[in-house]
Amino acid sequence: MPLAQFIKTAGEPTILKRSLKVSIIVGTILMFINHGDKLLSSNIDATLIIKILMTYCVPFCVSTQASVSATLQSRKKVV
């Protein structure tokens, strides 16, 4: 699959909305599992903030990749 086609499809509003929703739900669960103790103890620094942001990026990327792959595969079958 060409990268340009992947990026164009990933930018579609429906895929972005779905990925954002997944990221918020899954990212929040993972964030509390991985960093909840530090948040509750108010032990917050720049490193923790970066780790928390990365915790949300992972499910966003996974959801986007899965959605784009499914969308492109579905379109290929129609054509």
PDB file of N, CA and C in Angstrom:
ATOM      1  N   MET A   1       0.857  -1.175   0.000  1.00  0.00           N
ATOM      2  CA  MET A   1       0.000   0.000   0.000  1.00  0.00           C
ATOM      3  C   MET A   1       0.905   1.240   0.000  1.00  0.00           C
ATOM      4  N   PRO A   2       0.680   2.130  -0.936  1.00  0.00           N
ATOM      5  CA  PRO A   2       1.487   3.352  -1.014  1.00  0.00           C
ATOM      6  C   PRO A   2       1.269   4.251   0.216  1.00  0.00           C
ATOM      7  N   LEU A   3       2.344   4.861   0.649  1.00  0.00           N
ATOM      8  CA  LEU A   3       2.290   5.715   1.835  1.00  0.00           C
ATOM      9  C   LEU A   3       1.343   6.895   1.636  1.00  0.00           C
ATOM     10  N   ALA A   4       1.346   7.500   0.471  1.00  0.00           N
ATOM     11  CA  ALA A   4       0.480   8.658   0.207  1.00  0.00           C
ATOM     12  C   ALA A   4      -0.995   8.276   0.354  1.00  0.00           C
ATOM     13  N   GLN A   5      -1.352   7.092  -0.131  1.00  0.00           N
ATOM     14  CA  GLN A   5      -2.735   6.619  -0.015  1.00  0.00           C
ATOM     15  C   GLN A   5      -3.084   6.365   1.450  1.00  0.00           C
ATOM     16  N   PHE A   6      -2.148   5.804   2.199  1.00  0.00           N
ATOM     17  CA  PHE A   6      -2.360   5.554   3.628  1.00  0.00           C
ATOM     18  C   PHE A   6      -2.603   6.863   4.368  1.00  0.00           C
ATOM     19  N   ILE A   7      -1.761   7.851   4.123  1.00  0.00           N
ATOM     20  CA  ILE A   7      -1.866   9.141   4.819  1.00  0.00           C
ATOM     21  C   ILE A   7      -3.172   9.853   4.454  1.00  0.00           C
ATOM     22  N   LYS A   8      -3.534   9.822   3.176  1.00  0.00           N
ATOM     23  CA  LYS A   8      -4.779  10.456   2.745  1.00  0.00           C
ATOM     24  C   LYS A   8      -5.980   9.803   3.430  1.00  0.00           C
ATOM     25  N   THR A   9      -5.996   8.498   3.480  1.00  0.00           N
ATOM     26  CA  THR A   9      -7.096   7.770   4.111  1.00  0.00           C
ATOM     27  C   THR A   9      -7.105   8.012   5.622  1.00  0.00           C
ATOM     28  N   ALA A  10      -5.944   8.051   6.231  1.00  0.00           N
ATOM     29  CA  ALA A  10      -5.855   8.286   7.675  1.00  0.00           C
ATOM     30  C   ALA A  10      -6.388   9.663   8.057  1.00  0.00           C
ATOM     31  N   GLY A  11      -6.358  10.591   7.129  1.00  0.00           N
ATOM     32  CA  GLY A  11      -6.831  11.946   7.405  1.00  0.00           C
ATOM     33  C   GLY A  11      -8.330  12.135   7.237  1.00  0.00           C
ATOM     34  N   GLU A  12      -9.025  11.084   6.843  1.00  0.00           N
ATOM     35  CA  GLU A  12     -10.473  11.188   6.680  1.00  0.00           C
ATOM     36  C   GLU A  12     -11.133  11.411   8.041  1.00  0.00           C
ATOM     37  N   PRO A  13     -12.121  12.312   8.096  1.00  0.00           N
ATOM     38  CA  PRO A  13     -12.756  12.658   9.375  1.00  0.00           C
ATOM     39  C   PRO A  13     -13.298  11.465  10.168  1.00  0.00           C
ATOM     40  N   THR A  14     -13.896  10.496   9.493  1.00  0.00           N
ATOM     41  CA  THR A  14     -14.454   9.354  10.229  1.00  0.00           C
ATOM     42  C   THR A  14     -13.364   8.540  10.908  1.00  0.00           C
ATOM     43  N   ILE A  15     -12.250   8.376  10.228  1.00  0.00           N
ATOM     44  CA  ILE A  15     -11.139   7.614  10.810  1.00  0.00           C
ATOM     45  C   ILE A  15     -10.500   8.401  11.948  1.00  0.00           C
ATOM     46  N   LEU A  16     -10.306   9.692  11.757  1.00  0.00           N
ATOM     47  CA  LEU A  16      -9.722  10.508  12.825  1.00  0.00           C
ATOM     48  C   LEU A  16     -10.604  10.522  14.073  1.00  0.00           C
ATOM     49  N   LYS A  17     -11.917  10.641  13.884  1.00  0.00           N
ATOM     50  CA  LYS A  17     -12.833  10.644  15.029  1.00  0.00           C
ATOM     51  C   LYS A  17     -12.788   9.314  15.767  1.00  0.00           C
ATOM     52  N   ARG A  18     -12.811   8.221  15.021  1.00  0.00           N
ATOM     53  CA  ARG A  18     -12.765   6.893  15.637  1.00  0.00           C
ATOM     54  C   ARG A  18     -11.458   6.699  16.407  1.00  0.00           C
ATOM     55  N   SER A  19     -10.362   7.077  15.802  1.00  0.00           N
ATOM     56  CA  SER A  19      -9.061   6.917  16.454  1.00  0.00           C
ATOM     57  C   SER A  19      -8.956   7.782  17.702  1.00  0.00           C
ATOM     58  N   LEU A  20      -9.508   8.973  17.644  1.00  0.00           N
ATOM     59  CA  LEU A  20      -9.490   9.855  18.806  1.00  0.00           C
ATOM     60  C   LEU A  20     -10.312   9.263  19.951  1.00  0.00           C
ATOM     61  N   LYS A  21     -11.474   8.725  19.643  1.00  0.00           N
ATOM     62  CA  LYS A  21     -12.311   8.107  20.679  1.00  0.00           C
ATOM     63  C   LYS A  21     -11.595   6.923  21.326  1.00  0.00           C
ATOM     64  N   VAL A  22     -11.008   6.070  20.489  1.00  0.00           N
ATOM     65  CA  VAL A  22     -10.271   4.913  21.009  1.00  0.00           C
ATOM     66  C   VAL A  22      -9.109   5.380  21.873  1.00  0.00           C
ATOM     67  N   SER A  23      -8.398   6.389  21.407  1.00  0.00           N
ATOM     68  CA  SER A  23      -7.255   6.911  22.147  1.00  0.00           C
ATOM     69  C   SER A  23      -7.662   7.446  23.513  1.00  0.00           C
ATOM     70  N   ILE A  24      -8.764   8.152  23.566  1.00  0.00           N
ATOM     71  CA  ILE A  24      -9.213   8.721  24.837  1.00  0.00           C
ATOM     72  C   ILE A  24      -9.596   7.611  25.819  1.00  0.00           C
ATOM     73  N   ILE A  25     -10.346   6.626  25.329  1.00  0.00           N
ATOM     74  CA  ILE A  25     -10.799   5.557  26.224  1.00  0.00           C
ATOM     75  C   ILE A  25      -9.651   4.642  26.639  1.00  0.00           C
ATOM     76  N   VAL A  26      -8.963   4.073  25.660  1.00  0.00           N
ATOM     77  CA  VAL A  26      -7.887   3.129  25.957  1.00  0.00           C
ATOM     78  C   VAL A  26      -6.700   3.839  26.599  1.00  0.00           C
ATOM     79  N   GLY A  27      -6.373   5.015  26.090  1.00  0.00           N
ATOM     80  CA  GLY A  27      -5.256   5.781  26.647  1.00  0.00           C
ATOM     81  C   GLY A  27      -5.463   6.132  28.106  1.00  0.00           C
ATOM     82  N   THR A  28      -6.689   6.501  28.465  1.00  0.00           N
ATOM     83  CA  THR A  28      -6.975   6.842  29.855  1.00  0.00           C
ATOM     84  C   THR A  28      -6.839   5.620  30.761  1.00  0.00           C
ATOM     85  N   ILE A  29      -7.337   4.486  30.308  1.00  0.00           N
ATOM     86  CA  ILE A  29      -7.188   3.256  31.095  1.00  0.00           C
ATOM     87  C   ILE A  29      -5.711   2.924  31.280  1.00  0.00           C
ATOM     88  N   LEU A  30      -4.957   2.953  30.183  1.00  0.00           N
ATOM     89  CA  LEU A  30      -3.523   2.651  30.273  1.00  0.00           C
ATOM     90  C   LEU A  30      -2.770   3.677  31.119  1.00  0.00           C
ATOM     91  N   MET A  31      -3.175   4.937  31.002  1.00  0.00           N
ATOM     92  CA  MET A  31      -2.508   5.993  31.768  1.00  0.00           C
ATOM     93  C   MET A  31      -2.680   5.752  33.269  1.00  0.00           C
ATOM     94  N   PHE A  32      -3.893   5.385  33.691  1.00  0.00           N
ATOM     95  CA  PHE A  32      -4.102   5.126  35.117  1.00  0.00           C
ATOM     96  C   PHE A  32      -3.381   3.865  35.571  1.00  0.00           C
ATOM     97  N   ILE A  33      -3.344   2.844  34.715  1.00  0.00           N
ATOM     98  CA  ILE A  33      -2.615   1.626  35.072  1.00  0.00           C
ATOM     99  C   ILE A  33      -1.124   1.921  35.223  1.00  0.00           C
ATOM    100  N   ASN A  34      -0.566   2.647  34.260  1.00  0.00           N
ATOM    101  CA  ASN A  34       0.884   2.866  34.234  1.00  0.00           C
ATOM    102  C   ASN A  34       1.369   4.032  35.091  1.00  0.00           C
ATOM    103  N   HIS A  35       0.546   5.066  35.252  1.00  0.00           N
ATOM    104  CA  HIS A  35       1.032   6.280  35.904  1.00  0.00           C
ATOM    105  C   HIS A  35       0.128   6.780  37.026  1.00  0.00           C
ATOM    106  N   GLY A  36      -0.910   6.025  37.343  1.00  0.00           N
ATOM    107  CA  GLY A  36      -1.875   6.468  38.348  1.00  0.00           C
ATOM    108  C   GLY A  36      -1.261   6.737  39.705  1.00  0.00           C
ATOM    109  N   ASP A  37      -0.325   5.904  40.120  1.00  0.00           N
ATOM    110  CA  ASP A  37       0.295   6.098  41.434  1.00  0.00           C
ATOM    111  C   ASP A  37       1.048   7.423  41.520  1.00  0.00           C
ATOM    112  N   LYS A  38       1.737   7.785  40.460  1.00  0.00           N
ATOM    113  CA  LYS A  38       2.478   9.049  40.460  1.00  0.00           C
ATOM    114  C   LYS A  38       1.533  10.243  40.414  1.00  0.00           C
ATOM    115  N   LEU A  39       0.428  10.103  39.677  1.00  0.00           N
ATOM    116  CA  LEU A  39      -0.545  11.191  39.623  1.00  0.00           C
ATOM    117  C   LEU A  39      -1.204  11.395  40.990  1.00  0.00           C
ATOM    118  N   LEU A  40      -1.554  10.295  41.630  1.00  0.00           N
ATOM    119  CA  LEU A  40      -2.211  10.396  42.945  1.00  0.00           C
ATOM    120  C   LEU A  40      -1.276  10.944  44.017  1.00  0.00           C
ATOM    121  N   SER A  41       0.014  10.709  43.870  1.00  0.00           N
ATOM    122  CA  SER A  41       0.975  11.226  44.843  1.00  0.00           C
ATOM    123  C   SER A  41       1.490  12.608  44.443  1.00  0.00           C
ATOM    124  N   SER A  42       0.906  13.182  43.384  1.00  0.00           N
ATOM    125  CA  SER A  42       1.299  14.505  42.861  1.00  0.00           C
ATOM    126  C   SER A  42       2.777  14.570  42.496  1.00  0.00           C
ATOM    127  N   ASN A  43       3.316  13.453  42.071  1.00  0.00           N
ATOM    128  CA  ASN A  43       4.714  13.383  41.663  1.00  0.00           C
ATOM    129  C   ASN A  43       4.789  13.552  40.143  1.00  0.00           C
ATOM    130  N   ILE A  44       4.493  14.774  39.687  1.00  0.00           N
ATOM    131  CA  ILE A  44       4.399  15.049  38.253  1.00  0.00           C
ATOM    132  C   ILE A  44       5.587  15.896  37.807  1.00  0.00           C
ATOM    133  N   ASP A  45       6.267  15.427  36.767  1.00  0.00           N
ATOM    134  CA  ASP A  45       7.366  16.194  36.177  1.00  0.00           C
ATOM    135  C   ASP A  45       7.254  16.110  34.650  1.00  0.00           C
ATOM    136  N   ALA A  46       8.170  16.729  33.966  1.00  0.00           N
ATOM    137  CA  ALA A  46       8.117  16.775  32.499  1.00  0.00           C
ATOM    138  C   ALA A  46       8.213  15.380  31.888  1.00  0.00           C
ATOM    139  N   THR A  47       9.024  14.528  32.469  1.00  0.00           N
ATOM    140  CA  THR A  47       9.171  13.171  31.960  1.00  0.00           C
ATOM    141  C   THR A  47       7.844  12.418  32.044  1.00  0.00           C
ATOM    142  N   LEU A  48       7.142  12.567  33.147  1.00  0.00           N
ATOM    143  CA  LEU A  48       5.854  11.896  33.312  1.00  0.00           C
ATOM    144  C   LEU A  48       4.838  12.408  32.296  1.00  0.00           C
ATOM    145  N   ILE A  49       4.827  13.689  32.062  1.00  0.00           N
ATOM    146  CA  ILE A  49       3.890  14.268  31.095  1.00  0.00           C
ATOM    147  C   ILE A  49       4.151  13.708  29.698  1.00  0.00           C
ATOM    148  N   ILE A  50       5.410  13.600  29.327  1.00  0.00           N
ATOM    149  CA  ILE A  50       5.763  13.030  28.022  1.00  0.00           C
ATOM    150  C   ILE A  50       5.307  11.571  27.946  1.00  0.00           C
ATOM    151  N   LYS A  51       5.527  10.813  29.017  1.00  0.00           N
ATOM    152  CA  LYS A  51       5.107   9.410  29.041  1.00  0.00           C
ATOM    153  C   LYS A  51       3.586   9.295  28.932  1.00  0.00           C
ATOM    154  N   ILE A  52       2.870  10.181  29.594  1.00  0.00           N
ATOM    155  CA  ILE A  52       1.406  10.166  29.531  1.00  0.00           C
ATOM    156  C   ILE A  52       0.934  10.476  28.115  1.00  0.00           C
ATOM    157  N   LEU A  53       1.538  11.460  27.475  1.00  0.00           N
ATOM    158  CA  LEU A  53       1.165  11.787  26.091  1.00  0.00           C
ATOM    159  C   LEU A  53       1.435  10.610  25.151  1.00  0.00           C
ATOM    160  N   MET A  54       2.542   9.940  25.356  1.00  0.00           N
ATOM    161  CA  MET A  54       2.863   8.768  24.545  1.00  0.00           C
ATOM    162  C   MET A  54       1.868   7.637  24.797  1.00  0.00           C
ATOM    163  N   THR A  55       1.373   7.548  26.021  1.00  0.00           N
ATOM    164  CA  THR A  55       0.379   6.531  26.354  1.00  0.00           C
ATOM    165  C   THR A  55      -0.880   6.714  25.519  1.00  0.00           C
ATOM    166  N   TYR A  56      -1.240   7.942  25.218  1.00  0.00           N
ATOM    167  CA  TYR A  56      -2.403   8.219  24.373  1.00  0.00           C
ATOM    168  C   TYR A  56      -2.077   8.049  22.889  1.00  0.00           C
ATOM    169  N   CYS A  57      -0.838   8.255  22.501  1.00  0.00           N
ATOM    170  CA  CYS A  57      -0.454   8.142  21.082  1.00  0.00           C
ATOM    171  C   CYS A  57      -0.513   6.698  20.588  1.00  0.00           C
ATOM    172  N   VAL A  58      -0.157   5.759  21.441  1.00  0.00           N
ATOM    173  CA  VAL A  58      -0.109   4.364  21.008  1.00  0.00           C
ATOM    174  C   VAL A  58      -1.481   3.848  20.557  1.00  0.00           C
ATOM    175  N   PRO A  59      -2.544   3.963  21.367  1.00  0.00           N
ATOM    176  CA  PRO A  59      -3.835   3.474  20.867  1.00  0.00           C
ATOM    177  C   PRO A  59      -4.354   4.273  19.673  1.00  0.00           C
ATOM    178  N   PHE A  60      -4.000   5.556  19.599  1.00  0.00           N
ATOM    179  CA  PHE A  60      -4.394   6.355  18.439  1.00  0.00           C
ATOM    180  C   PHE A  60      -3.772   5.780  17.177  1.00  0.00           C
ATOM    181  N   CYS A  61      -2.488   5.490  17.220  1.00  0.00           N
ATOM    182  CA  CYS A  61      -1.789   4.954  16.052  1.00  0.00           C
ATOM    183  C   CYS A  61      -2.302   3.559  15.680  1.00  0.00           C
ATOM    184  N   VAL A  62      -2.535   2.718  16.672  1.00  0.00           N
ATOM    185  CA  VAL A  62      -3.025   1.365  16.401  1.00  0.00           C
ATOM    186  C   VAL A  62      -4.419   1.423  15.777  1.00  0.00           C
ATOM    187  N   SER A  63      -5.294   2.247  16.331  1.00  0.00           N
ATOM    188  CA  SER A  63      -6.645   2.379  15.795  1.00  0.00           C
ATOM    189  C   SER A  63      -6.628   2.940  14.381  1.00  0.00           C
ATOM    190  N   THR A  64      -5.791   3.933  14.150  1.00  0.00           N
ATOM    191  CA  THR A  64      -5.689   4.528  12.820  1.00  0.00           C
ATOM    192  C   THR A  64      -5.205   3.501  11.801  1.00  0.00           C
ATOM    193  N   GLN A  65      -4.175   2.765  12.150  1.00  0.00           N
ATOM    194  CA  GLN A  65      -3.631   1.767  11.231  1.00  0.00           C
ATOM    195  C   GLN A  65      -4.684   0.706  10.916  1.00  0.00           C
ATOM    196  N   ALA A  66      -5.394   0.230  11.919  1.00  0.00           N
ATOM    197  CA  ALA A  66      -6.415  -0.792  11.700  1.00  0.00           C
ATOM    198  C   ALA A  66      -7.554  -0.253  10.833  1.00  0.00           C
ATOM    199  N   SER A  67      -7.990   0.969  11.108  1.00  0.00           N
ATOM    200  CA  SER A  67      -9.082   1.564  10.338  1.00  0.00           C
ATOM    201  C   SER A  67      -8.686   1.801   8.890  1.00  0.00           C
ATOM    202  N   VAL A  68      -7.494   2.310   8.678  1.00  0.00           N
ATOM    203  CA  VAL A  68      -7.028   2.574   7.313  1.00  0.00           C
ATOM    204  C   VAL A  68      -6.900   1.258   6.550  1.00  0.00           C
ATOM    205  N   SER A  69      -6.314   0.257   7.169  1.00  0.00           N
ATOM    206  CA  SER A  69      -6.162  -1.036   6.495  1.00  0.00           C
ATOM    207  C   SER A  69      -7.513  -1.629   6.124  1.00  0.00           C
ATOM    208  N   ALA A  70      -8.461  -1.593   7.059  1.00  0.00           N
ATOM    209  CA  ALA A  70      -9.793  -2.133   6.786  1.00  0.00           C
ATOM    210  C   ALA A  70     -10.502  -1.333   5.693  1.00  0.00           C
ATOM    211  N   THR A  71     -10.377  -0.017   5.749  1.00  0.00           N
ATOM    212  CA  THR A  71     -11.022   0.838   4.745  1.00  0.00           C
ATOM    213  C   THR A  71     -10.455   0.581   3.360  1.00  0.00           C
ATOM    214  N   LEU A  72      -9.152   0.529   3.239  1.00  0.00           N
ATOM    215  CA  LEU A  72      -8.527   0.305   1.931  1.00  0.00           C
ATOM    216  C   LEU A  72      -8.838  -1.088   1.398  1.00  0.00           C
ATOM    217  N   GLN A  73      -8.856  -2.083   2.279  1.00  0.00           N
ATOM    218  CA  GLN A  73      -9.194  -3.438   1.851  1.00  0.00           C
ATOM    219  C   GLN A  73     -10.643  -3.509   1.361  1.00  0.00           C
ATOM    220  N   SER A  74     -11.525  -2.829   2.078  1.00  0.00           N
ATOM    221  CA  SER A  74     -12.937  -2.800   1.690  1.00  0.00           C
ATOM    222  C   SER A  74     -13.119  -2.105   0.338  1.00  0.00           C
ATOM    223  N   ARG A  75     -12.434  -1.010   0.134  1.00  0.00           N
ATOM    224  CA  ARG A  75     -12.524  -0.278  -1.139  1.00  0.00           C
ATOM    225  C   ARG A  75     -11.960  -1.101  -2.289  1.00  0.00           C
ATOM    226  N   LYS A  76     -10.933  -1.877  -2.015  1.00  0.00           N
ATOM    227  CA  LYS A  76     -10.311  -2.711  -3.050  1.00  0.00           C
ATOM    228  C   LYS A  76     -11.288  -3.778  -3.530  1.00  0.00           C
ATOM    229  N   LYS A  77     -12.093  -4.321  -2.619  1.00  0.00           N
ATOM    230  CA  LYS A  77     -13.055  -5.360  -2.976  1.00  0.00           C
ATOM    231  C   LYS A  77     -14.186  -4.798  -3.818  1.00  0.00           C
ATOM    232  N   VAL A  78     -14.560  -3.532  -3.573  1.00  0.00           N
ATOM    233  CA  VAL A  78     -15.662  -2.897  -4.290  1.00  0.00           C
ATOM    234  C   VAL A  78     -15.262  -2.603  -5.730  1.00  0.00           C
ATOM    235  N   VAL A  79     -14.028  -2.211  -5.929  1.00  0.00           N
ATOM    236  CA  VAL A  79     -13.570  -1.802  -7.271  1.00  0.00           C
ATOM    237  C   VAL A  79     -13.333  -2.974  -8.155  1.00  0.00           C
TER     238      VAL A  79
END
